[in-house]
Amino acid sequence: MSDDGLPPLREVIAAHGLNANKALGQNFLFDLNLTRRIARSAAPLDGFTIIEVGPGPGGLTRALLAEGATHVVAIERDRRALPALAEIEAAYPGRLEVIEGDALAVDLTRHIKGPVKIVANLPYNVATPLLIGWLTQEPWPPWFASLTLMFQKEVAERIVAKAGEDAYGRLSVISQYRCEAKKLFDVNRSAFTPPPKVTSSIVQLVPRAKCEPECALNALERVTAAGFGQRRKMLRQSLKAVFPNPEDVLVSLGLDPTARAETLTVSDFARLAQKL
């Protein structure tokens, strides 16, 4: 037994026949020390409703409750995991709410009580669409206080990359325009069952109270899509998709028309978006 009185996760998975489903992007974390480290990195949890996506057998769910989350709302689309989650619900009366459904389709705002944080080992196949959905919330600042999320390391590096780095792109600009984004730590493949083909990383995003320079997010998305959609081309060429005379716009902002998208800072892109 672990200190929450529940059996070890390996036993839970065996008892409920919960083999990870590749189609659902599942990789289960068995190491309760690691899940508690993830939970602690989102601290403080006391006083918050924590939304967790894809809890599976509940390793991170247990850690969030053990580390003091006032209330956890777990969204799980795999029916096989529901009995295992029900056992956790019984061990923490009144503190866990399990919703069967697809996180891309569930209106999470209906399950909010008080301030909210989102903490999740996201299923790989929906991680980026979920993040984009959260980053493009209107109005901003959004209904959540922070996002502490696990991604494939390659995606994590795209989120936090700076101008001039290879991983820098559309996801970097949108993430960093709306949030303070930092990578906390890597998680080795061997921590999972089955081990994924790649290393994972924990990223934390804290919404900015004010996004500056101010621009419409859809304009920022259009400018970054044009610039990075043809990233080998000079900006005076790639931005023709959004501006009739991109060279004049770039010069008016003090930007080099012969530069490429990856050299522009997040603030440069926001100033370009203002021109739309």
C-alpha atoms as a PDB file:
ATOM      1  CA  MET A   1       0.000   0.000   0.000  1.00  0.00           C
ATOM      2  CA  SER A   2       1.106   3.578  -0.620  1.00  0.00           C
ATOM      3  CA  ASP A   3       0.592   6.334   1.973  1.00  0.00           C
ATOM      4  CA  ASP A   4      -2.879   7.145   0.582  1.00  0.00           C
ATOM      5  CA  GLY A   5      -4.040   3.620   1.472  1.00  0.00           C
ATOM      6  CA  LEU A   6      -4.476   2.701  -2.206  1.00  0.00           C
ATOM      7  CA  PRO A   7      -2.648  -0.205  -3.876  1.00  0.00           C
ATOM      8  CA  PRO A   8       0.438   0.408  -6.066  1.00  0.00           C
ATOM      9  CA  LEU A   9      -0.403   1.468  -9.620  1.00  0.00           C
ATOM     10  CA  ARG A  10       0.925  -1.750 -11.149  1.00  0.00           C
ATOM     11  CA  GLU A  11      -1.618  -3.690  -9.091  1.00  0.00           C
ATOM     12  CA  VAL A  12      -4.402  -1.251 -10.034  1.00  0.00           C
ATOM     13  CA  ILE A  13      -3.625  -1.684 -13.730  1.00  0.00           C
ATOM     14  CA  ALA A  14      -3.462  -5.471 -13.440  1.00  0.00           C
ATOM     15  CA  ALA A  15      -6.713  -5.633 -11.451  1.00  0.00           C
ATOM     16  CA  HIS A  16      -8.621  -3.550 -14.002  1.00  0.00           C
ATOM     17  CA  GLY A  17      -6.942  -4.922 -17.165  1.00  0.00           C
ATOM     18  CA  LEU A  18      -5.785  -1.427 -18.069  1.00  0.00           C
ATOM     19  CA  ASN A  19      -3.222  -1.899 -20.826  1.00  0.00           C
ATOM     20  CA  ALA A  20      -2.204   1.435 -22.358  1.00  0.00           C
ATOM     21  CA  ASN A  21      -4.155   2.126 -25.542  1.00  0.00           C
ATOM     22  CA  LYS A  22      -1.936   3.421 -28.349  1.00  0.00           C
ATOM     23  CA  ALA A  23      -4.912   4.880 -30.238  1.00  0.00           C
ATOM     24  CA  LEU A  24      -5.666   7.098 -27.224  1.00  0.00           C
ATOM     25  CA  GLY A  25      -2.028   8.227 -26.951  1.00  0.00           C
ATOM     26  CA  GLN A  26      -1.726   6.589 -23.523  1.00  0.00           C
ATOM     27  CA  ASN A  27       1.529   6.054 -21.631  1.00  0.00           C
ATOM     28  CA  PHE A  28       1.050   5.444 -17.906  1.00  0.00           C
ATOM     29  CA  LEU A  29       3.319   6.902 -15.225  1.00  0.00           C
ATOM     30  CA  PHE A  30       3.914   4.359 -12.453  1.00  0.00           C
ATOM     31  CA  ASP A  31       6.423   6.255 -10.336  1.00  0.00           C
ATOM     32  CA  LEU A  32       4.460   7.960  -7.551  1.00  0.00           C
ATOM     33  CA  ASN A  33       7.563   9.963  -6.537  1.00  0.00           C
ATOM     34  CA  LEU A  34       7.625  11.415 -10.041  1.00  0.00           C
ATOM     35  CA  THR A  35       3.884  12.157 -10.140  1.00  0.00           C
ATOM     36  CA  ARG A  36       4.242  13.936  -6.790  1.00  0.00           C
ATOM     37  CA  ARG A  37       7.121  15.971  -8.187  1.00  0.00           C
ATOM     38  CA  ILE A  38       4.870  17.049 -11.074  1.00  0.00           C
ATOM     39  CA  ALA A  39       2.061  17.898  -8.640  1.00  0.00           C
ATOM     40  CA  ARG A  40       4.416  19.911  -6.402  1.00  0.00           C
ATOM     41  CA  SER A  41       5.699  21.884  -9.390  1.00  0.00           C
ATOM     42  CA  ALA A  42       2.166  23.305  -9.787  1.00  0.00           C
ATOM     43  CA  ALA A  43       2.044  24.377  -6.103  1.00  0.00           C
ATOM     44  CA  PRO A  44       0.278  25.869  -4.306  1.00  0.00           C
ATOM     45  CA  LEU A  45      -2.629  23.456  -4.892  1.00  0.00           C
ATOM     46  CA  ASP A  46      -4.576  24.213  -1.709  1.00  0.00           C
ATOM     47  CA  GLY A  47      -7.534  26.470  -2.501  1.00  0.00           C
ATOM     48  CA  PHE A  48      -7.526  25.496  -6.200  1.00  0.00           C
ATOM     49  CA  THR A  49      -9.662  23.305  -8.401  1.00  0.00           C
ATOM     50  CA  ILE A  50      -7.217  21.277 -10.507  1.00  0.00           C
ATOM     51  CA  ILE A  51      -8.340  20.149 -13.938  1.00  0.00           C
ATOM     52  CA  GLU A  52      -6.545  17.013 -15.122  1.00  0.00           C
ATOM     53  CA  VAL A  53      -6.882  15.625 -18.649  1.00  0.00           C
ATOM     54  CA  GLY A  54      -6.313  11.921 -19.328  1.00  0.00           C
ATOM     55  CA  PRO A  55      -5.747  10.615 -15.785  1.00  0.00           C
ATOM     56  CA  GLY A  56      -5.711   6.939 -16.879  1.00  0.00           C
ATOM     57  CA  PRO A  57      -5.262   4.762 -13.774  1.00  0.00           C
ATOM     58  CA  GLY A  58      -4.825   7.920 -11.661  1.00  0.00           C
ATOM     59  CA  GLY A  59      -1.126   8.186 -10.744  1.00  0.00           C
ATOM     60  CA  LEU A  60      -1.046  11.968 -11.121  1.00  0.00           C
ATOM     61  CA  THR A  61      -4.595  12.260  -9.725  1.00  0.00           C
ATOM     62  CA  ARG A  62      -3.464  10.601  -6.500  1.00  0.00           C
ATOM     63  CA  ALA A  63      -0.417  12.870  -6.307  1.00  0.00           C
ATOM     64  CA  LEU A  64      -2.508  16.037  -6.783  1.00  0.00           C
ATOM     65  CA  LEU A  65      -4.863  14.996  -3.978  1.00  0.00           C
ATOM     66  CA  ALA A  66      -2.025  13.886  -1.698  1.00  0.00           C
ATOM     67  CA  GLU A  67      -0.243  17.211  -2.261  1.00  0.00           C
ATOM     68  CA  GLY A  68      -3.315  19.120  -1.104  1.00  0.00           C
ATOM     69  CA  ALA A  69      -5.467  20.009  -4.138  1.00  0.00           C
ATOM     70  CA  THR A  70      -8.804  21.175  -2.775  1.00  0.00           C
ATOM     71  CA  HIS A  71     -10.750  19.652  -5.669  1.00  0.00           C
ATOM     72  CA  VAL A  72      -9.668  17.678  -8.755  1.00  0.00           C
ATOM     73  CA  VAL A  73     -11.771  17.418 -11.915  1.00  0.00           C
ATOM     74  CA  ALA A  74     -10.430  14.545 -14.044  1.00  0.00           C
ATOM     75  CA  ILE A  75     -11.539  14.252 -17.701  1.00  0.00           C
ATOM     76  CA  GLU A  76     -11.147  10.695 -19.017  1.00  0.00           C
ATOM     77  CA  ARG A  77     -12.467   9.282 -22.302  1.00  0.00           C
ATOM     78  CA  ASP A  78     -11.302   5.691 -21.701  1.00  0.00           C
ATOM     79  CA  ARG A  79     -14.165   3.904 -19.903  1.00  0.00           C
ATOM     80  CA  ARG A  80     -11.792   1.158 -18.725  1.00  0.00           C
ATOM     81  CA  ALA A  81     -10.104   3.646 -16.364  1.00  0.00           C
ATOM     82  CA  LEU A  82     -13.313   4.702 -14.602  1.00  0.00           C
ATOM     83  CA  PRO A  83     -13.372   1.899 -11.962  1.00  0.00           C
ATOM     84  CA  ALA A  84      -9.758   2.677 -10.947  1.00  0.00           C
ATOM     85  CA  LEU A  85     -10.625   6.379 -10.657  1.00  0.00           C
ATOM     86  CA  ALA A  86     -13.739   5.499  -8.617  1.00  0.00           C
ATOM     87  CA  GLU A  87     -11.445   3.851  -6.038  1.00  0.00           C
ATOM     88  CA  ILE A  88      -9.494   7.120  -5.700  1.00  0.00           C
ATOM     89  CA  GLU A  89     -12.782   9.015  -5.401  1.00  0.00           C
ATOM     90  CA  ALA A  90     -13.733   6.768  -2.481  1.00  0.00           C
ATOM     91  CA  ALA A  91     -10.331   7.317  -0.786  1.00  0.00           C
ATOM     92  CA  TYR A  92     -10.700  11.130  -1.045  1.00  0.00           C
ATOM     93  CA  PRO A  93     -14.425  11.734  -0.402  1.00  0.00           C
ATOM     94  CA  GLY A  94     -15.827  14.876  -2.015  1.00  0.00           C
ATOM     95  CA  ARG A  95     -12.506  15.949  -3.540  1.00  0.00           C
ATOM     96  CA  LEU A  96     -12.453  14.142  -6.903  1.00  0.00           C
ATOM     97  CA  GLU A  97     -14.960  14.544  -9.736  1.00  0.00           C
ATOM     98  CA  VAL A  98     -14.498  12.258 -12.747  1.00  0.00           C
ATOM     99  CA  ILE A  99     -16.027  13.260 -16.073  1.00  0.00           C
ATOM    100  CA  GLU A 100     -16.184  10.713 -18.850  1.00  0.00           C
ATOM    101  CA  GLY A 101     -15.601  12.515 -22.132  1.00  0.00           C
ATOM    102  CA  ASP A 102     -13.209  13.971 -24.679  1.00  0.00           C
ATOM    103  CA  ALA A 103     -11.344  17.001 -23.287  1.00  0.00           C
ATOM    104  CA  LEU A 104     -11.470  18.625 -26.732  1.00  0.00           C
ATOM    105  CA  ALA A 105     -15.284  18.586 -26.537  1.00  0.00           C
ATOM    106  CA  VAL A 106     -15.988  19.111 -22.799  1.00  0.00           C
ATOM    107  CA  ASP A 107     -16.745  22.677 -21.665  1.00  0.00           C
ATOM    108  CA  LEU A 108     -14.323  22.795 -18.744  1.00  0.00           C
ATOM    109  CA  THR A 109     -15.609  26.160 -17.498  1.00  0.00           C
ATOM    110  CA  ARG A 110     -18.826  24.421 -16.342  1.00  0.00           C
ATOM    111  CA  HIS A 111     -16.810  22.480 -13.739  1.00  0.00           C
ATOM    112  CA  ILE A 112     -14.998  25.398 -12.154  1.00  0.00           C
ATOM    113  CA  LYS A 113     -15.263  26.165  -8.460  1.00  0.00           C
ATOM    114  CA  GLY A 114     -13.010  29.031  -7.400  1.00  0.00           C
ATOM    115  CA  PRO A 115      -9.532  29.535  -8.874  1.00  0.00           C
ATOM    116  CA  VAL A 116      -8.325  26.866 -11.309  1.00  0.00           C
ATOM    117  CA  LYS A 117      -5.044  25.320 -12.428  1.00  0.00           C
ATOM    118  CA  ILE A 118      -4.675  22.766 -15.218  1.00  0.00           C
ATOM    119  CA  VAL A 119      -2.173  19.981 -14.480  1.00  0.00           C
ATOM    120  CA  ALA A 120      -1.898  17.013 -16.837  1.00  0.00           C
ATOM    121  CA  ASN A 121       0.220  14.318 -18.409  1.00  0.00           C
ATOM    122  CA  LEU A 122      -1.496  15.036 -21.727  1.00  0.00           C
ATOM    123  CA  PRO A 123      -2.237  12.212 -24.163  1.00  0.00           C
ATOM    124  CA  TYR A 124       0.330  12.814 -26.933  1.00  0.00           C
ATOM    125  CA  ASN A 125      -2.189  12.822 -29.762  1.00  0.00           C
ATOM    126  CA  VAL A 126      -4.257  15.735 -28.394  1.00  0.00           C
ATOM    127  CA  ALA A 127      -1.606  17.700 -26.482  1.00  0.00           C
ATOM    128  CA  THR A 128      -0.996  20.480 -29.028  1.00  0.00           C
ATOM    129  CA  PRO A 129      -4.678  21.067 -29.984  1.00  0.00           C
ATOM    130  CA  LEU A 130      -5.589  21.272 -26.288  1.00  0.00           C
ATOM    131  CA  LEU A 131      -2.796  23.768 -25.609  1.00  0.00           C
ATOM    132  CA  ILE A 132      -3.794  25.949 -28.583  1.00  0.00           C
ATOM    133  CA  GLY A 133      -7.394  25.886 -27.336  1.00  0.00           C
ATOM    134  CA  TRP A 134      -6.317  27.090 -23.897  1.00  0.00           C
ATOM    135  CA  LEU A 135      -3.949  29.750 -25.292  1.00  0.00           C
ATOM    136  CA  THR A 136      -6.597  31.225 -27.573  1.00  0.00           C
ATOM    137  CA  GLN A 137      -9.249  31.684 -24.848  1.00  0.00           C
ATOM    138  CA  GLU A 138     -11.133  34.965 -24.939  1.00  0.00           C
ATOM    139  CA  PRO A 139     -11.325  37.113 -22.937  1.00  0.00           C
ATOM    140  CA  TRP A 140      -7.739  37.161 -21.641  1.00  0.00           C
ATOM    141  CA  PRO A 141      -6.457  36.718 -18.892  1.00  0.00           C
ATOM    142  CA  PRO A 142      -8.283  33.357 -18.974  1.00  0.00           C
ATOM    143  CA  TRP A 143     -10.194  31.348 -16.350  1.00  0.00           C
ATOM    144  CA  PHE A 144      -7.097  29.345 -15.292  1.00  0.00           C
ATOM    145  CA  ALA A 145      -4.169  30.556 -13.167  1.00  0.00           C
ATOM    146  CA  SER A 146      -1.534  28.258 -14.711  1.00  0.00           C
ATOM    147  CA  LEU A 147      -0.903  25.278 -16.970  1.00  0.00           C
ATOM    148  CA  THR A 148       1.563  22.594 -15.825  1.00  0.00           C
ATOM    149  CA  LEU A 149       1.664  20.071 -18.655  1.00  0.00           C
ATOM    150  CA  MET A 150       3.663  17.156 -19.964  1.00  0.00           C
ATOM    151  CA  PHE A 151       4.560  17.095 -23.663  1.00  0.00           C
ATOM    152  CA  GLN A 152       6.957  15.244 -25.889  1.00  0.00           C
ATOM    153  CA  LYS A 153      10.285  17.024 -25.364  1.00  0.00           C
ATOM    154  CA  GLU A 154      10.331  18.260 -28.961  1.00  0.00           C
ATOM    155  CA  VAL A 155       6.956  20.020 -28.467  1.00  0.00           C
ATOM    156  CA  ALA A 156       8.084  21.419 -25.086  1.00  0.00           C
ATOM    157  CA  GLU A 157      11.156  22.923 -26.748  1.00  0.00           C
ATOM    158  CA  ARG A 158       8.992  24.545 -29.428  1.00  0.00           C
ATOM    159  CA  ILE A 159       6.841  26.158 -26.725  1.00  0.00           C
ATOM    160  CA  VAL A 160       9.779  27.793 -24.907  1.00  0.00           C
ATOM    161  CA  ALA A 161      12.188  28.450 -27.842  1.00  0.00           C
ATOM    162  CA  LYS A 162      13.522  31.974 -28.358  1.00  0.00           C
ATOM    163  CA  ALA A 163      14.002  33.869 -31.631  1.00  0.00           C
ATOM    164  CA  GLY A 164      16.958  32.485 -33.599  1.00  0.00           C
ATOM    165  CA  GLU A 165      16.697  28.958 -32.147  1.00  0.00           C
ATOM    166  CA  ASP A 166      15.864  26.007 -34.409  1.00  0.00           C
ATOM    167  CA  ALA A 167      12.714  25.077 -32.481  1.00  0.00           C
ATOM    168  CA  TYR A 168      11.311  28.635 -32.631  1.00  0.00           C
ATOM    169  CA  GLY A 169       8.056  28.903 -34.561  1.00  0.00           C
ATOM    170  CA  ARG A 170       4.333  29.656 -34.435  1.00  0.00           C
ATOM    171  CA  LEU A 171       3.772  27.717 -31.210  1.00  0.00           C
ATOM    172  CA  SER A 172       6.626  29.617 -29.496  1.00  0.00           C
ATOM    173  CA  VAL A 173       5.186  33.003 -30.481  1.00  0.00           C
ATOM    174  CA  ILE A 174       1.569  32.289 -29.467  1.00  0.00           C
ATOM    175  CA  SER A 175       2.624  30.597 -26.197  1.00  0.00           C
ATOM    176  CA  GLN A 176       5.032  33.346 -25.160  1.00  0.00           C
ATOM    177  CA  TYR A 177       2.800  36.219 -26.272  1.00  0.00           C
ATOM    178  CA  ARG A 178       0.050  35.042 -23.955  1.00  0.00           C
ATOM    179  CA  CYS A 179       2.067  33.374 -21.159  1.00  0.00           C
ATOM    180  CA  GLU A 180       5.336  33.254 -19.293  1.00  0.00           C
ATOM    181  CA  ALA A 181       6.532  29.823 -20.466  1.00  0.00           C
ATOM    182  CA  LYS A 182       9.317  27.728 -18.978  1.00  0.00           C
ATOM    183  CA  LYS A 183      10.459  24.127 -19.164  1.00  0.00           C
ATOM    184  CA  LEU A 184      10.741  22.639 -15.672  1.00  0.00           C
ATOM    185  CA  PHE A 185      12.331  19.182 -16.173  1.00  0.00           C
ATOM    186  CA  ASP A 186      12.578  16.186 -18.479  1.00  0.00           C
ATOM    187  CA  VAL A 187      10.981  12.799 -17.803  1.00  0.00           C
ATOM    188  CA  ASN A 188      12.851   9.734 -19.016  1.00  0.00           C
ATOM    189  CA  ARG A 189      11.105   7.228 -21.286  1.00  0.00           C
ATOM    190  CA  SER A 190      11.699   4.512 -18.691  1.00  0.00           C
ATOM    191  CA  ALA A 191       9.288   6.217 -16.257  1.00  0.00           C
ATOM    192  CA  PHE A 192       6.333   5.139 -18.417  1.00  0.00           C
ATOM    193  CA  THR A 193       4.565   1.923 -19.274  1.00  0.00           C
ATOM    194  CA  PRO A 194       4.850   1.289 -22.145  1.00  0.00           C
ATOM    195  CA  PRO A 195       7.950   3.503 -22.640  1.00  0.00           C
ATOM    196  CA  PRO A 196       7.263   6.050 -25.410  1.00  0.00           C
ATOM    197  CA  LYS A 197       9.817   6.428 -28.206  1.00  0.00           C
ATOM    198  CA  VAL A 198      10.827   9.896 -26.972  1.00  0.00           C
ATOM    199  CA  THR A 199      11.733  11.791 -23.799  1.00  0.00           C
ATOM    200  CA  SER A 200       8.979  13.933 -22.263  1.00  0.00           C
ATOM    201  CA  SER A 201       9.180  17.319 -20.564  1.00  0.00           C
ATOM    202  CA  ILE A 202       7.111  19.265 -18.058  1.00  0.00           C
ATOM    203  CA  VAL A 203       6.290  22.822 -19.135  1.00  0.00           C
ATOM    204  CA  GLN A 204       4.633  25.522 -17.068  1.00  0.00           C
ATOM    205  CA  LEU A 205       2.717  28.414 -18.605  1.00  0.00           C
ATOM    206  CA  VAL A 206       1.442  31.310 -16.495  1.00  0.00           C
ATOM    207  CA  PRO A 207      -0.957  33.689 -18.295  1.00  0.00           C
ATOM    208  CA  ARG A 208       0.219  37.270 -18.679  1.00  0.00           C
ATOM    209  CA  ALA A 209      -2.130  39.800 -17.087  1.00  0.00           C
ATOM    210  CA  LYS A 210      -1.494  42.050 -20.104  1.00  0.00           C
ATOM    211  CA  CYS A 211      -0.156  40.900 -23.476  1.00  0.00           C
ATOM    212  CA  GLU A 212       2.088  43.552 -24.999  1.00  0.00           C
ATOM    213  CA  PRO A 213       2.279  45.085 -27.482  1.00  0.00           C
ATOM    214  CA  GLU A 214      -1.491  44.679 -27.742  1.00  0.00           C
ATOM    215  CA  CYS A 215      -2.787  43.003 -30.886  1.00  0.00           C
ATOM    216  CA  ALA A 216      -5.698  40.831 -31.977  1.00  0.00           C
ATOM    217  CA  LEU A 217      -4.789  37.187 -31.506  1.00  0.00           C
ATOM    218  CA  ASN A 218      -6.260  36.155 -34.878  1.00  0.00           C
ATOM    219  CA  ALA A 219      -4.014  38.760 -36.537  1.00  0.00           C
ATOM    220  CA  LEU A 220      -0.999  37.339 -34.688  1.00  0.00           C
ATOM    221  CA  GLU A 221      -1.963  33.829 -35.835  1.00  0.00           C
ATOM    222  CA  ARG A 222      -2.215  34.988 -39.465  1.00  0.00           C
ATOM    223  CA  VAL A 223       1.159  36.774 -39.400  1.00  0.00           C
ATOM    224  CA  THR A 224       2.969  33.843 -37.777  1.00  0.00           C
ATOM    225  CA  ALA A 225       1.289  31.355 -40.152  1.00  0.00           C
ATOM    226  CA  ALA A 226       2.516  33.370 -43.145  1.00  0.00           C
ATOM    227  CA  GLY A 227       6.025  33.938 -41.788  1.00  0.00           C
ATOM    228  CA  PHE A 228       6.713  30.402 -40.598  1.00  0.00           C
ATOM    229  CA  GLY A 229       4.693  28.720 -43.350  1.00  0.00           C
ATOM    230  CA  GLN A 230       7.545  29.608 -45.712  1.00  0.00           C
ATOM    231  CA  ARG A 231      10.336  29.931 -43.194  1.00  0.00           C
ATOM    232  CA  ARG A 232      13.157  29.683 -45.743  1.00  0.00           C
ATOM    233  CA  LYS A 233      11.865  32.740 -47.589  1.00  0.00           C
ATOM    234  CA  MET A 234      12.657  36.347 -46.726  1.00  0.00           C
ATOM    235  CA  LEU A 235       9.880  38.163 -44.875  1.00  0.00           C
ATOM    236  CA  ARG A 236       9.220  40.512 -47.801  1.00  0.00           C
ATOM    237  CA  GLN A 237       8.204  37.391 -49.732  1.00  0.00           C
ATOM    238  CA  SER A 238       6.540  35.189 -47.060  1.00  0.00           C
ATOM    239  CA  LEU A 239       4.342  38.026 -45.712  1.00  0.00           C
ATOM    240  CA  LYS A 240       2.740  38.665 -49.115  1.00  0.00           C
ATOM    241  CA  ALA A 241       0.010  36.285 -47.938  1.00  0.00           C
ATOM    242  CA  VAL A 242      -1.149  38.917 -45.400  1.00  0.00           C
ATOM    243  CA  PHE A 243       0.136  42.317 -46.615  1.00  0.00           C
ATOM    244  CA  PRO A 244      -0.171  43.731 -50.165  1.00  0.00           C
ATOM    245  CA  ASN A 245       3.179  45.550 -49.673  1.00  0.00           C
ATOM    246  CA  PRO A 246       5.071  43.723 -46.906  1.00  0.00           C
ATOM    247  CA  GLU A 247       8.371  45.533 -47.587  1.00  0.00           C
ATOM    248  CA  ASP A 248       6.830  48.934 -46.698  1.00  0.00           C
ATOM    249  CA  VAL A 249       5.248  47.517 -43.526  1.00  0.00           C
ATOM    250  CA  LEU A 250       8.539  45.936 -42.397  1.00  0.00           C
ATOM    251  CA  VAL A 251      10.555  49.108 -43.057  1.00  0.00           C
ATOM    252  CA  SER A 252       7.972  51.217 -41.164  1.00  0.00           C
ATOM    253  CA  LEU A 253       8.561  48.979 -38.108  1.00  0.00           C
ATOM    254  CA  GLY A 254      12.346  49.109 -38.418  1.00  0.00           C
ATOM    255  CA  LEU A 255      12.504  45.441 -39.468  1.00  0.00           C
ATOM    256  CA  ASP A 256      14.759  44.041 -42.183  1.00  0.00           C
ATOM    257  CA  PRO A 257      12.664  42.915 -45.196  1.00  0.00           C
ATOM    258  CA  THR A 258      15.395  40.382 -46.128  1.00  0.00           C
ATOM    259  CA  ALA A 259      15.297  38.711 -42.682  1.00  0.00           C
ATOM    260  CA  ARG A 260      13.512  35.404 -42.071  1.00  0.00           C
ATOM    261  CA  ALA A 261      10.686  34.685 -39.651  1.00  0.00           C
ATOM    262  CA  GLU A 262      12.815  32.916 -37.044  1.00  0.00           C
ATOM    263  CA  THR A 263      14.830  36.123 -36.417  1.00  0.00           C
ATOM    264  CA  LEU A 264      11.778  38.129 -35.294  1.00  0.00           C
ATOM    265  CA  THR A 265      10.970  38.347 -31.574  1.00  0.00           C
ATOM    266  CA  VAL A 266       7.498  37.727 -30.156  1.00  0.00           C
ATOM    267  CA  SER A 267       7.141  41.499 -29.765  1.00  0.00           C
ATOM    268  CA  ASP A 268       8.091  42.040 -33.459  1.00  0.00           C
ATOM    269  CA  PHE A 269       5.327  39.647 -34.532  1.00  0.00           C
ATOM    270  CA  ALA A 270       2.821  41.453 -32.285  1.00  0.00           C
ATOM    271  CA  ARG A 271       3.777  44.794 -33.874  1.00  0.00           C
ATOM    272  CA  LEU A 272       3.266  43.260 -37.334  1.00  0.00           C
ATOM    273  CA  ALA A 273      -0.132  41.938 -36.190  1.00  0.00           C
ATOM    274  CA  GLN A 274      -1.096  45.475 -35.114  1.00  0.00           C
ATOM    275  CA  LYS A 275      -0.643  46.544 -38.760  1.00  0.00           C
ATOM    276  CA  LEU A 276      -3.359  44.087 -39.787  1.00  0.00           C
END
